[in-house]
Amino acid sequence: MAEAASRIRLDKWLWHARFFKTRSLAAKVVAAGVRVNGTKIAKPAYAVGPGDVVTFAQARAVRVIRVETPGERRGPASEAQQLYTDLDPPKPRENTVPSGARSEDNSRPTKRDRRKLDLHRSRALE
């Protein structure tokens, strides 16, 4: 009986830990494919507990999180951070606009600017 109390639905836990704004959004991400301890899970009702490692996509990044506690409610962010340990913290975003591009005046980029952007993107993919 104690084991059942220490486990919670995956979509509910992701929502409690504030990785997603709504529980339905968390359920959609789980349905698209999440890994728990290396096993692909597609059911939002899959139960997770302390020690499980959850890998999922969030905002163009892959998050690797270890569940510490199941949580009882969706509280403030400081309380939500107690629910998990981030095994691979997200890296700070890089400035994607190369120097020389027109980012200050909010006008449309010129053909030359677009070529610089495309060149920068192709180098980033390599």
N, C-alpha and C. Protein backbone atom coordinates (compact mmCIF):
# COMPACT_ATOMS: atom_id res chain seq x y z
N MET A 1 0.82 -1.19 0.00
CA MET A 1 0.00 0.00 0.00
C MET A 1 0.86 1.25 0.00
N ALA A 2 2.00 1.22 0.68
CA ALA A 2 2.88 2.39 0.73
C ALA A 2 3.48 2.67 -0.64
N GLU A 3 3.70 1.61 -1.43
CA GLU A 3 4.27 1.79 -2.76
C GLU A 3 3.29 2.53 -3.67
N ALA A 4 2.01 2.22 -3.56
CA ALA A 4 1.01 2.89 -4.39
C ALA A 4 0.95 4.39 -4.08
N ALA A 5 1.15 4.76 -2.81
CA ALA A 5 1.10 6.16 -2.43
C ALA A 5 2.34 6.92 -2.89
N SER A 6 3.43 6.21 -3.15
CA SER A 6 4.66 6.88 -3.57
C SER A 6 4.78 7.00 -5.08
N ARG A 7 3.74 6.62 -5.82
CA ARG A 7 3.76 6.69 -7.27
C ARG A 7 2.64 7.62 -7.74
N ILE A 8 2.85 8.26 -8.90
CA ILE A 8 1.89 9.22 -9.44
C ILE A 8 1.90 9.11 -10.96
N ARG A 9 0.80 9.49 -11.58
CA ARG A 9 0.73 9.48 -13.04
C ARG A 9 1.80 10.39 -13.62
N LEU A 10 2.38 9.97 -14.74
CA LEU A 10 3.47 10.72 -15.36
C LEU A 10 3.02 12.12 -15.79
N ASP A 11 1.87 12.23 -16.45
CA ASP A 11 1.41 13.55 -16.89
C ASP A 11 1.13 14.47 -15.70
N LYS A 12 0.59 13.92 -14.65
CA LYS A 12 0.29 14.71 -13.45
C LYS A 12 1.59 15.17 -12.78
N TRP A 13 2.60 14.29 -12.74
CA TRP A 13 3.87 14.66 -12.12
C TRP A 13 4.57 15.75 -12.93
N LEU A 14 4.57 15.64 -14.26
CA LEU A 14 5.19 16.68 -15.09
C LEU A 14 4.50 18.02 -14.90
N TRP A 15 3.20 18.01 -14.69
CA TRP A 15 2.45 19.23 -14.44
C TRP A 15 2.76 19.76 -13.04
N HIS A 16 2.80 18.88 -12.03
CA HIS A 16 3.14 19.29 -10.66
C HIS A 16 4.53 19.92 -10.61
N ALA A 17 5.48 19.33 -11.34
CA ALA A 17 6.86 19.82 -11.33
C ALA A 17 7.04 21.06 -12.21
N ARG A 18 5.95 21.53 -12.80
CA ARG A 18 5.93 22.76 -13.59
C ARG A 18 6.78 22.71 -14.87
N PHE A 19 6.86 21.54 -15.48
CA PHE A 19 7.52 21.47 -16.78
C PHE A 19 6.57 21.91 -17.89
N PHE A 20 5.26 21.76 -17.65
CA PHE A 20 4.25 22.15 -18.63
C PHE A 20 3.17 22.96 -17.95
N LYS A 21 2.60 23.89 -18.69
CA LYS A 21 1.63 24.83 -18.15
C LYS A 21 0.31 24.16 -17.77
N THR A 22 -0.11 23.18 -18.57
CA THR A 22 -1.36 22.48 -18.30
C THR A 22 -1.11 20.98 -18.28
N ARG A 23 -2.00 20.28 -17.62
CA ARG A 23 -1.87 18.83 -17.55
C ARG A 23 -2.16 18.20 -18.91
N SER A 24 -3.07 18.79 -19.67
CA SER A 24 -3.37 18.24 -21.00
C SER A 24 -2.17 18.40 -21.93
N LEU A 25 -1.41 19.47 -21.80
CA LEU A 25 -0.19 19.63 -22.59
C LEU A 25 0.85 18.58 -22.19
N ALA A 26 0.95 18.31 -20.90
CA ALA A 26 1.86 17.26 -20.42
C ALA A 26 1.43 15.91 -20.98
N ALA A 27 0.13 15.65 -21.02
CA ALA A 27 -0.38 14.37 -21.55
C ALA A 27 -0.06 14.24 -23.03
N LYS A 28 -0.14 15.35 -23.79
CA LYS A 28 0.19 15.30 -25.22
C LYS A 28 1.66 14.97 -25.43
N VAL A 29 2.53 15.54 -24.61
CA VAL A 29 3.97 15.27 -24.73
C VAL A 29 4.24 13.81 -24.40
N VAL A 30 3.59 13.29 -23.38
CA VAL A 30 3.78 11.88 -23.01
C VAL A 30 3.27 10.98 -24.13
N ALA A 31 2.12 11.31 -24.71
CA ALA A 31 1.57 10.52 -25.81
C ALA A 31 2.49 10.54 -27.02
N ALA A 32 3.22 11.63 -27.22
CA ALA A 32 4.15 11.73 -28.34
C ALA A 32 5.39 10.87 -28.11
N GLY A 33 5.68 10.56 -26.86
CA GLY A 33 6.82 9.69 -26.57
C GLY A 33 7.74 10.27 -25.52
N VAL A 34 7.81 9.60 -24.39
CA VAL A 34 8.69 9.96 -23.28
C VAL A 34 9.39 8.69 -22.86
N ARG A 35 10.60 8.81 -22.35
CA ARG A 35 11.31 7.63 -21.85
C ARG A 35 11.38 7.69 -20.34
N VAL A 36 11.05 6.56 -19.72
CA VAL A 36 11.18 6.41 -18.27
C VAL A 36 12.13 5.24 -18.04
N ASN A 37 13.26 5.54 -17.43
CA ASN A 37 14.31 4.53 -17.20
C ASN A 37 14.73 3.84 -18.49
N GLY A 38 14.74 4.59 -19.58
CA GLY A 38 15.19 4.06 -20.87
C GLY A 38 14.11 3.36 -21.67
N THR A 39 12.92 3.18 -21.13
CA THR A 39 11.83 2.51 -21.81
C THR A 39 10.87 3.56 -22.36
N LYS A 40 10.51 3.45 -23.65
CA LYS A 40 9.62 4.42 -24.25
C LYS A 40 8.20 4.21 -23.72
N ILE A 41 7.60 5.31 -23.27
CA ILE A 41 6.26 5.30 -22.69
C ILE A 41 5.39 6.22 -23.52
N ALA A 42 4.17 5.78 -23.84
CA ALA A 42 3.26 6.62 -24.60
C ALA A 42 1.92 6.79 -23.88
N LYS A 43 1.81 6.32 -22.66
CA LYS A 43 0.56 6.42 -21.90
C LYS A 43 0.73 7.43 -20.77
N PRO A 44 -0.09 8.46 -20.73
CA PRO A 44 0.01 9.46 -19.67
C PRO A 44 -0.24 8.89 -18.28
N ALA A 45 -0.94 7.76 -18.19
CA ALA A 45 -1.27 7.17 -16.89
C ALA A 45 -0.14 6.32 -16.32
N TYR A 46 0.98 6.21 -17.00
CA TYR A 46 2.11 5.43 -16.49
C TYR A 46 2.55 6.02 -15.14
N ALA A 47 2.74 5.16 -14.15
CA ALA A 47 3.09 5.62 -12.80
C ALA A 47 4.60 5.76 -12.65
N VAL A 48 5.03 6.89 -12.11
CA VAL A 48 6.44 7.12 -11.81
C VAL A 48 6.59 7.34 -10.31
N GLY A 49 7.77 7.05 -9.81
CA GLY A 49 8.03 7.22 -8.39
C GLY A 49 9.46 7.68 -8.18
N PRO A 50 9.86 7.82 -6.93
CA PRO A 50 11.21 8.26 -6.61
C PRO A 50 12.27 7.35 -7.23
N GLY A 51 13.29 7.97 -7.84
CA GLY A 51 14.38 7.22 -8.46
C GLY A 51 14.21 7.01 -9.95
N ASP A 52 13.02 7.19 -10.50
CA ASP A 52 12.81 7.02 -11.94
C ASP A 52 13.46 8.19 -12.70
N VAL A 53 14.05 7.87 -13.85
CA VAL A 53 14.66 8.89 -14.70
C VAL A 53 13.74 9.10 -15.90
N VAL A 54 13.29 10.33 -16.09
CA VAL A 54 12.35 10.69 -17.15
C VAL A 54 13.09 11.54 -18.18
N THR A 55 13.00 11.15 -19.46
CA THR A 55 13.62 11.89 -20.55
C THR A 55 12.50 12.33 -21.50
N PHE A 56 12.43 13.64 -21.78
CA PHE A 56 11.37 14.16 -22.63
C PHE A 56 11.84 15.41 -23.35
N ALA A 57 11.11 15.75 -24.41
CA ALA A 57 11.42 16.96 -25.18
C ALA A 57 10.62 18.13 -24.62
N GLN A 58 11.30 19.27 -24.50
CA GLN A 58 10.63 20.48 -24.04
C GLN A 58 11.30 21.68 -24.69
N ALA A 59 10.55 22.42 -25.46
CA ALA A 59 11.01 23.66 -26.07
C ALA A 59 12.35 23.50 -26.81
N ARG A 60 12.39 22.61 -27.77
CA ARG A 60 13.57 22.37 -28.61
C ARG A 60 14.77 21.85 -27.84
N ALA A 61 14.55 21.28 -26.68
CA ALA A 61 15.64 20.72 -25.88
C ALA A 61 15.18 19.38 -25.32
N VAL A 62 16.13 18.54 -24.99
CA VAL A 62 15.83 17.26 -24.36
C VAL A 62 16.17 17.38 -22.89
N ARG A 63 15.21 17.08 -22.03
CA ARG A 63 15.40 17.18 -20.58
C ARG A 63 15.57 15.79 -20.01
N VAL A 64 16.51 15.62 -19.09
CA VAL A 64 16.74 14.36 -18.38
C VAL A 64 16.58 14.69 -16.89
N ILE A 65 15.54 14.11 -16.30
CA ILE A 65 15.13 14.47 -14.94
C ILE A 65 15.01 13.20 -14.09
N ARG A 66 15.47 13.26 -12.84
CA ARG A 66 15.26 12.15 -11.90
C ARG A 66 14.16 12.57 -10.93
N VAL A 67 13.15 11.73 -10.78
CA VAL A 67 12.04 11.99 -9.86
C VAL A 67 12.55 11.77 -8.44
N GLU A 68 12.38 12.78 -7.57
CA GLU A 68 12.77 12.66 -6.17
C GLU A 68 11.57 12.33 -5.29
N THR A 69 10.47 13.04 -5.46
CA THR A 69 9.24 12.77 -4.72
C THR A 69 8.06 12.92 -5.66
N PRO A 70 6.95 12.24 -5.39
CA PRO A 70 5.79 12.33 -6.29
C PRO A 70 5.06 13.66 -6.22
N GLY A 71 5.04 14.32 -5.09
CA GLY A 71 4.33 15.59 -4.98
C GLY A 71 2.85 15.37 -4.74
N GLU A 72 2.25 16.29 -4.04
CA GLU A 72 0.83 16.17 -3.71
C GLU A 72 -0.01 17.22 -4.41
N ARG A 73 0.61 18.35 -4.79
CA ARG A 73 -0.14 19.42 -5.44
C ARG A 73 0.79 20.19 -6.36
N ARG A 74 0.19 21.05 -7.17
CA ARG A 74 0.98 21.93 -8.04
C ARG A 74 1.16 23.23 -7.29
N GLY A 75 2.24 23.31 -6.56
CA GLY A 75 2.50 24.48 -5.73
C GLY A 75 3.39 25.49 -6.43
N PRO A 76 3.99 26.36 -5.67
CA PRO A 76 4.89 27.38 -6.24
C PRO A 76 6.15 26.74 -6.83
N ALA A 77 6.86 27.51 -7.62
CA ALA A 77 8.04 27.00 -8.31
C ALA A 77 9.09 26.48 -7.34
N SER A 78 9.26 27.14 -6.21
CA SER A 78 10.25 26.68 -5.24
C SER A 78 9.89 25.30 -4.70
N GLU A 79 8.61 25.03 -4.54
CA GLU A 79 8.16 23.71 -4.09
C GLU A 79 8.30 22.68 -5.21
N ALA A 80 8.05 23.10 -6.45
CA ALA A 80 8.14 22.20 -7.60
C ALA A 80 9.58 21.75 -7.83
N GLN A 81 10.55 22.61 -7.56
CA GLN A 81 11.95 22.25 -7.77
C GLN A 81 12.42 21.18 -6.80
N GLN A 82 11.70 20.98 -5.71
CA GLN A 82 12.04 19.94 -4.74
C GLN A 82 11.65 18.55 -5.25
N LEU A 83 10.80 18.49 -6.30
CA LEU A 83 10.29 17.22 -6.79
C LEU A 83 11.27 16.47 -7.68
N TYR A 84 12.30 17.13 -8.19
CA TYR A 84 13.18 16.51 -9.17
C TYR A 84 14.61 17.00 -9.04
N THR A 85 15.51 16.23 -9.70
CA THR A 85 16.90 16.62 -9.87
C THR A 85 17.15 16.65 -11.37
N ASP A 86 17.67 17.75 -11.86
CA ASP A 86 17.96 17.90 -13.29
C ASP A 86 19.32 17.27 -13.57
N LEU A 87 19.33 16.15 -14.28
CA LEU A 87 20.58 15.44 -14.56
C LEU A 87 21.36 16.06 -15.71
N ASP A 88 20.69 16.79 -16.58
CA ASP A 88 21.33 17.45 -17.71
C ASP A 88 20.73 18.85 -17.83
N PRO A 89 21.21 19.83 -17.05
CA PRO A 89 20.59 21.15 -17.06
C PRO A 89 20.60 21.76 -18.46
N PRO A 90 19.55 22.50 -18.81
CA PRO A 90 19.51 23.11 -20.14
C PRO A 90 20.61 24.14 -20.29
N LYS A 91 21.19 24.17 -21.47
CA LYS A 91 22.26 25.12 -21.74
C LYS A 91 21.65 26.47 -22.08
N PRO A 92 22.34 27.56 -21.76
CA PRO A 92 21.80 28.87 -22.12
C PRO A 92 21.68 29.01 -23.63
N ARG A 93 20.64 29.70 -24.03
CA ARG A 93 20.41 29.88 -25.47
C ARG A 93 21.48 30.78 -26.07
N GLU A 94 21.91 30.40 -27.26
CA GLU A 94 22.89 31.21 -27.97
C GLU A 94 22.16 32.24 -28.82
N ASN A 95 22.83 33.33 -29.09
CA ASN A 95 22.26 34.34 -29.97
C ASN A 95 22.31 33.79 -31.39
N THR A 96 21.15 33.59 -32.02
CA THR A 96 21.11 32.99 -33.34
C THR A 96 21.29 34.01 -34.45
N VAL A 97 21.27 35.29 -34.12
CA VAL A 97 21.45 36.32 -35.15
C VAL A 97 22.93 36.63 -35.27
N PRO A 98 23.53 36.36 -36.44
CA PRO A 98 24.96 36.66 -36.59
C PRO A 98 25.20 38.16 -36.58
N SER A 99 26.41 38.51 -36.23
CA SER A 99 26.74 39.94 -36.21
C SER A 99 26.64 40.50 -37.63
N GLY A 100 26.18 41.71 -37.73
CA GLY A 100 26.00 42.34 -39.04
C GLY A 100 24.57 42.24 -39.53
N ALA A 101 23.75 41.42 -38.91
CA ALA A 101 22.35 41.33 -39.33
C ALA A 101 21.56 42.46 -38.69
N ARG A 102 20.47 42.79 -39.29
CA ARG A 102 19.67 43.92 -38.82
C ARG A 102 18.71 43.46 -37.73
N SER A 103 19.14 43.39 -36.51
CA SER A 103 18.24 43.01 -35.43
C SER A 103 17.80 44.22 -34.62
N GLU A 104 18.47 45.36 -34.76
CA GLU A 104 18.16 46.52 -33.94
C GLU A 104 16.98 47.32 -34.45
N ASP A 105 16.82 47.44 -35.76
CA ASP A 105 15.82 48.36 -36.29
C ASP A 105 14.49 47.68 -36.62
N ASN A 106 14.31 46.41 -36.31
CA ASN A 106 13.06 45.68 -36.50
C ASN A 106 12.52 45.71 -37.92
N SER A 107 13.39 45.94 -38.91
CA SER A 107 12.95 45.89 -40.29
C SER A 107 13.18 44.49 -40.84
N ARG A 108 12.65 44.24 -42.00
CA ARG A 108 12.85 42.93 -42.61
C ARG A 108 14.30 42.77 -43.02
N PRO A 109 14.83 41.55 -42.93
CA PRO A 109 16.23 41.36 -43.34
C PRO A 109 16.36 41.48 -44.86
N THR A 110 17.49 41.95 -45.27
CA THR A 110 17.76 42.04 -46.71
C THR A 110 18.17 40.67 -47.20
N LYS A 111 18.32 40.55 -48.50
CA LYS A 111 18.74 39.29 -49.08
C LYS A 111 20.11 38.89 -48.54
N ARG A 112 20.97 39.87 -48.39
CA ARG A 112 22.31 39.62 -47.84
C ARG A 112 22.22 39.11 -46.40
N ASP A 113 21.33 39.72 -45.60
CA ASP A 113 21.14 39.28 -44.22
C ASP A 113 20.61 37.85 -44.16
N ARG A 114 19.66 37.52 -45.04
CA ARG A 114 19.11 36.16 -45.06
C ARG A 114 20.18 35.15 -45.42
N ARG A 115 21.05 35.49 -46.36
CA ARG A 115 22.15 34.58 -46.71
C ARG A 115 23.06 34.34 -45.51
N LYS A 116 23.36 35.40 -44.74
CA LYS A 116 24.18 35.25 -43.55
C LYS A 116 23.50 34.36 -42.53
N LEU A 117 22.19 34.54 -42.36
CA LEU A 117 21.44 33.71 -41.43
C LEU A 117 21.46 32.25 -41.86
N ASP A 118 21.23 32.00 -43.15
CA ASP A 118 21.25 30.63 -43.66
C ASP A 118 22.62 29.99 -43.49
N LEU A 119 23.68 30.75 -43.74
CA LEU A 119 25.04 30.25 -43.58
C LEU A 119 25.30 29.90 -42.13
N HIS A 120 24.85 30.77 -41.22
CA HIS A 120 25.02 30.54 -39.79
C HIS A 120 24.27 29.28 -39.34
N ARG A 121 23.04 29.09 -39.84
CA ARG A 121 22.24 27.93 -39.47
C ARG A 121 22.84 26.64 -39.99
N SER A 122 23.35 26.67 -41.22
CA SER A 122 23.95 25.45 -41.80
C SER A 122 25.21 25.06 -41.04
N ARG A 123 25.98 26.04 -40.59
CA ARG A 123 27.18 25.73 -39.80
C ARG A 123 26.82 25.18 -38.44
N ALA A 124 25.72 25.66 -37.87
CA ALA A 124 25.29 25.19 -36.55
C ALA A 124 24.81 23.74 -36.62
N LEU A 125 24.27 23.32 -37.76
CA LEU A 125 23.78 21.97 -37.91
C LEU A 125 24.90 20.95 -38.11
N GLU A 126 26.06 21.41 -38.54
CA GLU A 126 27.17 20.48 -38.83
C GLU A 126 27.87 20.03 -37.62
